[in-house]
Amino acid sequence: MSEKRQSEDGPQQPAVKKARVHVDTSKPSALAKPTGGRKYTVSIAVPGGIIANAQTLELKTALAGQIARAAAIFNVDEIVIFDEEAGKAGSTLDKNGYERNGGASEPNIFLARILQYLETPQYLRKAIFPMHRDLRFAGLLNPLDCPHHLRIEDDFPYREGITLPTNSGDPDRDTMVEKGKTLVECGLKRRVIVNRKIKEGVRVTLGMKKIKGSKNKEFIEADVVSPATPREKMGYYWGYQVRLADSISSVFTESPHAEGYDLTLGTSERGKDLAKVTPELPKFKHLLLVFGGVAGLEYAVDNDSGLEIEGKDAEEVFDRWINVAPEQGSRTIRTEEAVYITLAQMRSCITQKGTR
């Protein structure tokens, strides 16, 4: 019987085991190849006062780290830190400029310093950031691991660097190169040379010609480019800029974009459900998402003498007034939580409606 079945159906094939695909988790997705250039930008604005609510220097540092991680994960290009009290609050600093309770700098400055430190590639931090009390626990934070945080062996079309002393006449400090050129430290085995004279200690973005097989055996040749070039030309996320604003109105009036932000969203528990708002949002070039502190954006608007409206009418400042967590189970949503919730919900909307 078994022979007949074998002759009718053909010889039985042994079971084939499927090969298990090995995924190397040490290769971060941050280095994935981009799909094309990106012209649009995403900015978030948060009040520096959220740092003052953390009781210790460790907690303040951890809170800043959460904001930085959220920004990096969701490709935020700018973080604006605004003073929700518009300078009206009395000083809580000691004679050395540190907070009396937490031992950190003024909250806005502290948050800016931690955000800038984390955004900077590791090989540049020692040169850019001198030892400071605010950075005492920064080494404990999770790294951002952005595409521009490159390893020494990475061959990448762009790199961040810092200019070195060149032709200053001090043989102990600099290296003699051709006139009109500058050496740059980029975290590589060889230093980089650019065809421009730039003063010492300036952070620059470089377009790398070719690291391997460079004709110049002593130096690697590169061109200085705009920090926006990796994003605009190839779509690489290239970190965020940090900006301080002395009031909520300054968030808008001091925009780095000539035409300002063309789509602004304010977050509030009194806003409209974000899920109902996103389908009707227009296309944009420069998106701004603004988050309030413990007392909400209404508090920041009330304190801003540059605005002619009261806090109860805060929604008039924005193009859309949104609630990112309707029917919330907790009485309060912390600012750092709201940042994550909003950016996660808006990810697909941003990629679809951002002008490339």
Protein backbone atom coordinates (compact mmCIF):
# COMPACT_ATOMS: atom_id res chain seq x y z
CA MET A 1 0.00 0.00 0.00
CA SER A 2 2.77 2.39 0.89
CA GLU A 3 4.60 1.50 -2.39
CA LYS A 4 1.45 2.25 -4.45
CA ARG A 5 0.96 5.63 -2.73
CA GLN A 6 4.62 6.45 -3.35
CA SER A 7 4.35 5.62 -7.07
CA GLU A 8 1.15 7.65 -7.51
CA ASP A 9 2.14 10.74 -5.60
CA GLY A 10 5.85 10.68 -6.34
CA PRO A 11 8.66 10.06 -3.87
CA GLN A 12 8.21 11.71 -0.53
CA GLN A 13 10.53 14.68 0.02
CA PRO A 14 12.27 15.18 3.32
CA ALA A 15 11.09 18.19 5.30
CA VAL A 16 13.26 21.25 4.60
CA LYS A 17 14.18 23.44 7.52
CA LYS A 18 13.88 27.16 6.83
CA ALA A 19 17.10 29.00 7.46
CA ARG A 20 16.82 31.37 10.36
CA VAL A 21 17.65 34.91 9.30
CA HIS A 22 20.19 36.48 11.61
CA VAL A 23 19.54 40.12 12.33
CA ASP A 24 22.55 42.07 13.52
CA THR A 25 21.02 44.39 16.09
CA SER A 26 24.31 46.24 16.46
CA LYS A 27 23.58 47.96 13.13
CA PRO A 28 21.32 50.88 14.12
CA SER A 29 18.44 51.93 11.90
CA ALA A 30 19.78 55.48 12.19
CA LEU A 31 22.23 54.58 9.42
CA ALA A 32 19.54 53.33 7.03
CA LYS A 33 19.72 54.74 3.51
CA PRO A 34 17.36 57.70 3.01
CA THR A 35 14.70 57.70 0.33
CA GLY A 36 15.29 61.26 -0.86
CA GLY A 37 15.80 64.87 0.19
CA ARG A 38 13.54 66.56 2.73
CA LYS A 39 12.90 70.30 2.61
CA TYR A 40 10.28 70.60 5.36
CA THR A 41 11.22 71.06 9.01
CA VAL A 42 9.63 70.06 12.31
CA SER A 43 10.08 72.22 15.42
CA ILE A 44 8.88 71.73 18.96
CA ALA A 45 8.70 74.34 21.73
CA VAL A 46 8.73 73.45 25.42
CA PRO A 47 8.91 75.62 28.55
CA GLY A 48 12.21 75.44 30.41
CA GLY A 49 10.23 75.63 33.64
CA ILE A 50 9.56 71.88 33.48
CA ILE A 51 13.14 71.43 34.71
CA ALA A 52 12.40 73.41 37.88
CA ASN A 53 9.76 70.84 38.89
CA ALA A 54 12.36 68.05 39.09
CA GLN A 55 13.79 67.88 42.59
CA THR A 56 17.37 66.73 42.04
CA LEU A 57 20.11 67.24 39.48
CA GLU A 58 19.78 63.58 38.42
CA LEU A 59 16.03 63.96 37.78
CA LYS A 60 16.52 67.24 35.92
CA THR A 61 19.11 65.58 33.69
CA ALA A 62 16.90 62.55 33.05
CA LEU A 63 13.98 64.81 32.08
CA ALA A 64 16.12 66.69 29.57
CA GLY A 65 17.28 63.36 28.18
CA GLN A 66 13.69 62.29 27.54
CA ILE A 67 13.03 65.42 25.50
CA ALA A 68 16.21 64.84 23.49
CA ARG A 69 15.39 61.20 22.78
CA ALA A 70 11.86 62.05 21.63
CA ALA A 71 13.22 64.72 19.29
CA ALA A 72 15.80 62.37 17.79
CA ILE A 73 13.43 59.43 17.35
CA PHE A 74 10.87 61.52 15.47
CA ASN A 75 13.31 63.62 13.40
CA VAL A 76 12.71 66.98 15.07
CA ASP A 77 14.88 69.69 13.50
CA GLU A 78 14.57 72.41 16.15
CA ILE A 79 13.83 72.57 19.87
CA VAL A 80 12.77 75.96 21.21
CA ILE A 81 12.96 76.49 24.97
CA PHE A 82 10.74 79.36 26.08
CA ASP A 83 10.29 81.13 29.41
CA GLU A 84 6.64 80.59 30.28
CA GLU A 85 6.89 83.31 32.95
CA ALA A 86 8.45 85.81 30.49
CA GLY A 87 11.04 86.89 33.05
CA LYS A 88 8.45 87.82 35.69
CA ALA A 89 9.45 85.21 38.25
CA GLY A 90 11.89 86.16 40.97
CA SER A 91 15.35 84.63 40.81
CA THR A 92 15.87 81.27 42.50
CA LEU A 93 19.61 81.27 41.84
CA ASP A 94 22.46 81.57 44.30
CA LYS A 95 25.38 84.01 43.85
CA ASN A 96 27.09 81.53 41.51
CA GLY A 97 24.12 81.32 39.15
CA TYR A 98 22.95 77.85 40.25
CA GLU A 99 19.52 76.78 41.48
CA ARG A 100 19.42 76.82 45.28
CA ASN A 101 17.46 73.56 45.45
CA GLY A 102 18.68 71.38 42.59
CA GLY A 103 22.21 72.65 42.13
CA ALA A 104 21.74 73.32 38.39
CA SER A 105 21.82 76.45 36.24
CA GLU A 106 18.70 78.51 35.50
CA PRO A 107 16.15 75.98 34.11
CA ASN A 108 16.07 77.26 30.53
CA ILE A 109 19.86 77.34 30.30
CA PHE A 110 20.17 73.93 31.93
CA LEU A 111 17.75 72.31 29.49
CA ALA A 112 19.48 73.93 26.51
CA ARG A 113 22.90 72.77 27.67
CA ILE A 114 21.86 69.13 28.12
CA LEU A 115 20.02 69.10 24.77
CA GLN A 116 23.03 70.55 22.95
CA TYR A 117 25.42 68.16 24.68
CA LEU A 118 23.41 65.09 23.67
CA GLU A 119 23.01 66.28 20.07
CA THR A 120 26.77 66.76 19.66
CA PRO A 121 28.73 63.74 18.32
CA GLN A 122 30.73 62.07 21.08
CA TYR A 123 34.10 62.78 19.48
CA LEU A 124 33.44 66.55 19.61
CA ARG A 125 32.06 66.91 23.12
CA LYS A 126 35.35 67.37 24.95
CA ALA A 127 36.36 70.19 22.60
CA ILE A 128 32.99 71.98 22.66
CA PHE A 129 31.82 71.50 26.26
CA PRO A 130 34.14 72.38 29.12
CA MET A 131 33.50 70.71 32.47
CA HIS A 132 30.30 72.09 33.97
CA ARG A 133 28.15 71.30 36.96
CA ASP A 134 25.07 70.87 34.74
CA LEU A 135 26.73 67.99 32.87
CA ARG A 136 27.61 65.97 35.95
CA PHE A 137 25.09 63.21 35.16
CA ALA A 138 24.85 63.65 31.38
CA GLY A 139 27.07 60.62 30.85
CA LEU A 140 24.35 58.40 32.34
CA LEU A 141 21.79 59.34 29.68
CA ASN A 142 20.93 57.09 26.77
CA PRO A 143 22.75 58.24 23.62
CA LEU A 144 20.77 59.66 20.71
CA ASP A 145 22.74 57.61 18.16
CA CYS A 146 21.71 59.87 15.27
CA PRO A 147 23.15 59.40 11.76
CA HIS A 148 25.73 62.15 12.41
CA HIS A 149 27.01 60.35 15.52
CA LEU A 150 29.53 58.40 13.47
CA ARG A 151 32.17 55.88 14.50
CA ILE A 152 35.80 56.17 13.48
CA GLU A 153 35.41 53.44 10.83
CA ASP A 154 32.21 54.83 9.23
CA ASP A 155 32.59 56.01 5.64
CA PHE A 156 29.73 58.52 5.31
CA PRO A 157 29.04 61.37 2.85
CA TYR A 158 28.82 63.96 5.64
CA ARG A 159 30.45 64.52 9.01
CA GLU A 160 30.45 67.01 11.86
CA GLY A 161 33.76 68.49 12.91
CA ILE A 162 35.45 71.29 14.81
CA THR A 163 38.09 73.59 13.34
CA LEU A 164 41.64 73.35 14.70
CA PRO A 165 44.29 76.05 15.22
CA THR A 166 46.10 76.44 11.90
CA ASN A 167 49.12 78.58 10.96
CA SER A 168 48.94 80.58 14.19
CA GLY A 169 52.69 80.59 14.60
CA ASP A 170 52.60 78.42 17.72
CA PRO A 171 54.20 75.07 16.77
CA ASP A 172 52.93 73.45 19.97
CA ARG A 173 49.28 74.15 19.11
CA ASP A 174 48.80 73.96 15.38
CA THR A 175 49.79 72.39 12.09
CA MET A 176 51.18 74.32 9.14
CA VAL A 177 49.03 73.95 6.01
CA GLU A 178 48.62 75.87 2.78
CA LYS A 179 47.42 79.46 3.16
CA GLY A 180 43.64 79.81 3.05
CA LYS A 181 42.99 76.27 4.31
CA THR A 182 41.82 74.94 7.69
CA LEU A 183 42.21 71.65 9.50
CA VAL A 184 39.14 70.04 11.06
CA GLU A 185 38.84 67.27 13.66
CA CYS A 186 36.10 64.87 12.55
CA GLY A 187 36.67 61.77 14.68
CA LEU A 188 38.73 60.00 12.00
CA LYS A 189 42.23 58.56 12.07
CA ARG A 190 43.36 61.40 9.82
CA ARG A 191 42.41 65.05 10.13
CA VAL A 192 40.33 66.75 7.46
CA ILE A 193 41.41 69.78 5.41
CA VAL A 194 39.02 72.31 3.84
CA ASN A 195 39.69 75.06 1.30
CA ARG A 196 38.49 77.86 3.57
CA LYS A 197 40.02 79.86 6.38
CA ILE A 198 37.84 79.43 9.48
CA LYS A 199 38.68 80.52 12.99
CA GLU A 200 39.53 77.95 15.64
CA GLY A 201 36.80 76.17 17.62
CA VAL A 202 33.92 76.45 15.15
CA ARG A 203 31.65 73.44 14.64
CA VAL A 204 31.15 72.76 10.94
CA THR A 205 29.27 70.29 8.74
CA LEU A 206 31.45 68.75 6.04
CA GLY A 207 30.70 67.07 2.74
CA MET A 208 33.25 64.28 2.63
CA LYS A 209 34.79 63.69 -0.79
CA LYS A 210 36.30 60.27 -0.10
CA ILE A 211 37.73 58.91 3.12
CA LYS A 212 39.20 55.74 1.71
CA GLY A 213 41.66 56.16 -1.13
CA SER A 214 42.08 59.92 -0.67
CA LYS A 215 44.90 61.34 -2.80
CA ASN A 216 46.20 63.37 0.12
CA LYS A 217 47.87 60.81 2.39
CA GLU A 218 48.28 63.23 5.29
CA PHE A 219 44.80 64.78 5.33
CA ILE A 220 41.30 63.94 4.04
CA GLU A 221 39.77 66.56 1.75
CA ALA A 222 36.25 67.88 2.38
CA ASP A 223 33.95 70.83 1.71
CA VAL A 224 32.11 72.96 4.28
CA VAL A 225 28.34 72.74 3.73
CA SER A 226 25.21 73.98 5.48
CA PRO A 227 23.99 71.85 8.43
CA ALA A 228 20.73 71.49 6.45
CA THR A 229 22.44 69.96 3.41
CA PRO A 230 22.38 66.30 4.57
CA ARG A 231 18.62 66.57 5.15
CA GLU A 232 17.74 68.63 2.08
CA LYS A 233 19.86 66.71 -0.42
CA MET A 234 19.74 63.13 0.83
CA GLY A 235 17.12 63.02 3.58
CA TYR A 236 19.48 62.20 6.44
CA TYR A 237 18.26 63.30 9.85
CA TRP A 238 21.07 65.55 11.06
CA GLY A 239 20.11 66.37 14.62
CA TYR A 240 18.32 69.41 16.03
CA GLN A 241 19.12 73.06 16.65
CA VAL A 242 18.42 74.51 20.11
CA ARG A 243 17.00 78.02 20.50
CA LEU A 244 16.10 80.05 23.60
CA ALA A 245 13.06 82.34 23.63
CA ASP A 246 12.36 84.81 26.45
CA SER A 247 8.56 84.45 26.05
CA ILE A 248 6.07 82.38 24.11
CA SER A 249 5.60 85.16 21.52
CA SER A 250 9.35 85.09 20.84
CA VAL A 251 8.97 81.48 19.75
CA PHE A 252 7.16 82.83 16.69
CA THR A 253 8.81 86.21 16.11
CA GLU A 254 12.38 84.89 16.29
CA SER A 255 11.89 81.96 13.93
CA PRO A 256 15.02 81.05 11.94
CA HIS A 257 12.89 80.77 8.79
CA ALA A 258 12.43 83.97 6.79
CA GLU A 259 8.76 83.23 6.21
CA GLY A 260 8.21 81.93 9.75
CA TYR A 261 6.29 78.78 10.64
CA ASP A 262 3.44 78.14 8.23
CA LEU A 263 1.63 75.64 10.47
CA THR A 264 1.47 76.01 14.26
CA LEU A 265 -0.24 73.66 16.71
CA GLY A 266 -0.78 74.36 20.40
CA THR A 267 -1.52 71.49 22.78
CA SER A 268 -4.14 71.63 25.53
CA GLU A 269 -6.60 69.32 27.24
CA ARG A 270 -9.22 71.83 26.09
CA GLY A 271 -8.24 71.42 22.45
CA LYS A 272 -9.82 69.41 19.66
CA ASP A 273 -9.09 65.69 19.36
CA LEU A 274 -5.87 65.35 17.34
CA ALA A 275 -7.23 62.35 15.44
CA LYS A 276 -10.01 64.58 14.05
CA VAL A 277 -7.63 67.44 13.27
CA THR A 278 -4.87 65.66 11.34
CA PRO A 279 -6.96 64.77 8.23
CA GLU A 280 -7.77 68.43 7.65
CA LEU A 281 -4.26 69.82 8.18
CA PRO A 282 -2.79 71.62 5.13
CA LYS A 283 0.60 70.93 3.60
CA PHE A 284 3.45 72.78 5.29
CA LYS A 285 7.09 73.79 4.98
CA HIS A 286 7.82 74.56 8.62
CA LEU A 287 5.73 72.90 11.33
CA LEU A 288 5.77 74.09 14.95
CA LEU A 289 4.32 72.09 17.86
CA VAL A 290 4.09 73.98 21.15
CA PHE A 291 3.73 72.31 24.56
CA GLY A 292 2.83 73.89 27.87
CA GLY A 293 4.13 73.26 31.37
CA VAL A 294 2.26 72.29 34.51
CA ALA A 295 -0.14 75.24 34.19
CA GLY A 296 -0.58 74.86 30.42
CA LEU A 297 -0.01 77.23 27.52
CA GLU A 298 -2.67 79.54 28.93
CA TYR A 299 -0.26 80.44 31.73
CA ALA A 300 2.50 81.36 29.26
CA VAL A 301 0.13 83.52 27.22
CA ASP A 302 -1.11 85.30 30.35
CA ASN A 303 2.46 86.23 31.33
CA ASP A 304 3.48 87.48 27.88
CA SER A 305 3.15 91.27 27.61
CA GLY A 306 3.85 91.00 23.89
CA LEU A 307 0.46 89.38 23.34
CA GLU A 308 -2.78 91.35 23.51
CA ILE A 309 -4.93 88.40 24.54
CA GLU A 310 -5.59 86.65 27.84
CA GLY A 311 -4.69 83.08 28.68
CA LYS A 312 -8.27 81.91 28.27
CA ASP A 313 -7.97 82.83 24.58
CA ALA A 314 -4.61 81.14 24.08
CA GLU A 315 -5.88 79.08 21.15
CA GLU A 316 -5.98 82.26 19.04
CA VAL A 317 -2.17 82.23 18.95
CA PHE A 318 -2.11 78.98 16.95
CA ASP A 319 -3.46 77.66 13.67
CA ARG A 320 -4.84 74.59 15.47
CA TRP A 321 -5.60 73.92 19.15
CA ILE A 322 -5.24 70.19 19.79
CA ASN A 323 -5.81 67.62 22.52
CA VAL A 324 -3.37 64.74 22.07
CA ALA A 325 -4.88 62.43 24.70
CA PRO A 326 -8.66 62.86 24.99
CA GLU A 327 -10.36 60.87 27.76
CA GLN A 328 -7.02 60.56 29.55
CA GLY A 329 -6.92 58.22 32.51
CA SER A 330 -4.60 60.42 34.55
CA ARG A 331 -5.53 63.90 35.77
CA THR A 332 -2.31 65.27 34.29
CA ILE A 333 -0.04 64.56 31.35
CA ARG A 334 3.54 65.64 31.81
CA THR A 335 5.19 67.75 29.12
CA GLU A 336 7.72 65.08 28.20
CA GLU A 337 4.87 62.58 27.87
CA ALA A 338 2.88 64.94 25.67
CA VAL A 339 5.89 65.36 23.38
CA TYR A 340 6.15 61.61 22.81
CA ILE A 341 2.39 61.15 22.41
CA THR A 342 2.05 63.98 19.90
CA LEU A 343 5.05 63.14 17.74
CA ALA A 344 4.08 59.47 17.62
CA GLN A 345 0.51 60.23 16.56
CA MET A 346 1.60 62.77 13.96
CA ARG A 347 4.43 60.81 12.36
CA SER A 348 2.52 59.62 9.28
CA CYS A 349 0.72 62.97 8.91
CA ILE A 350 4.04 64.84 8.96
CA THR A 351 5.62 62.64 6.29
CA GLN A 352 2.55 62.94 4.07
CA LYS A 353 1.94 66.68 4.37
CA GLY A 354 5.47 68.00 4.69
CA THR A 355 6.61 69.68 1.46
CA ARG A 356 9.61 67.84 0.06
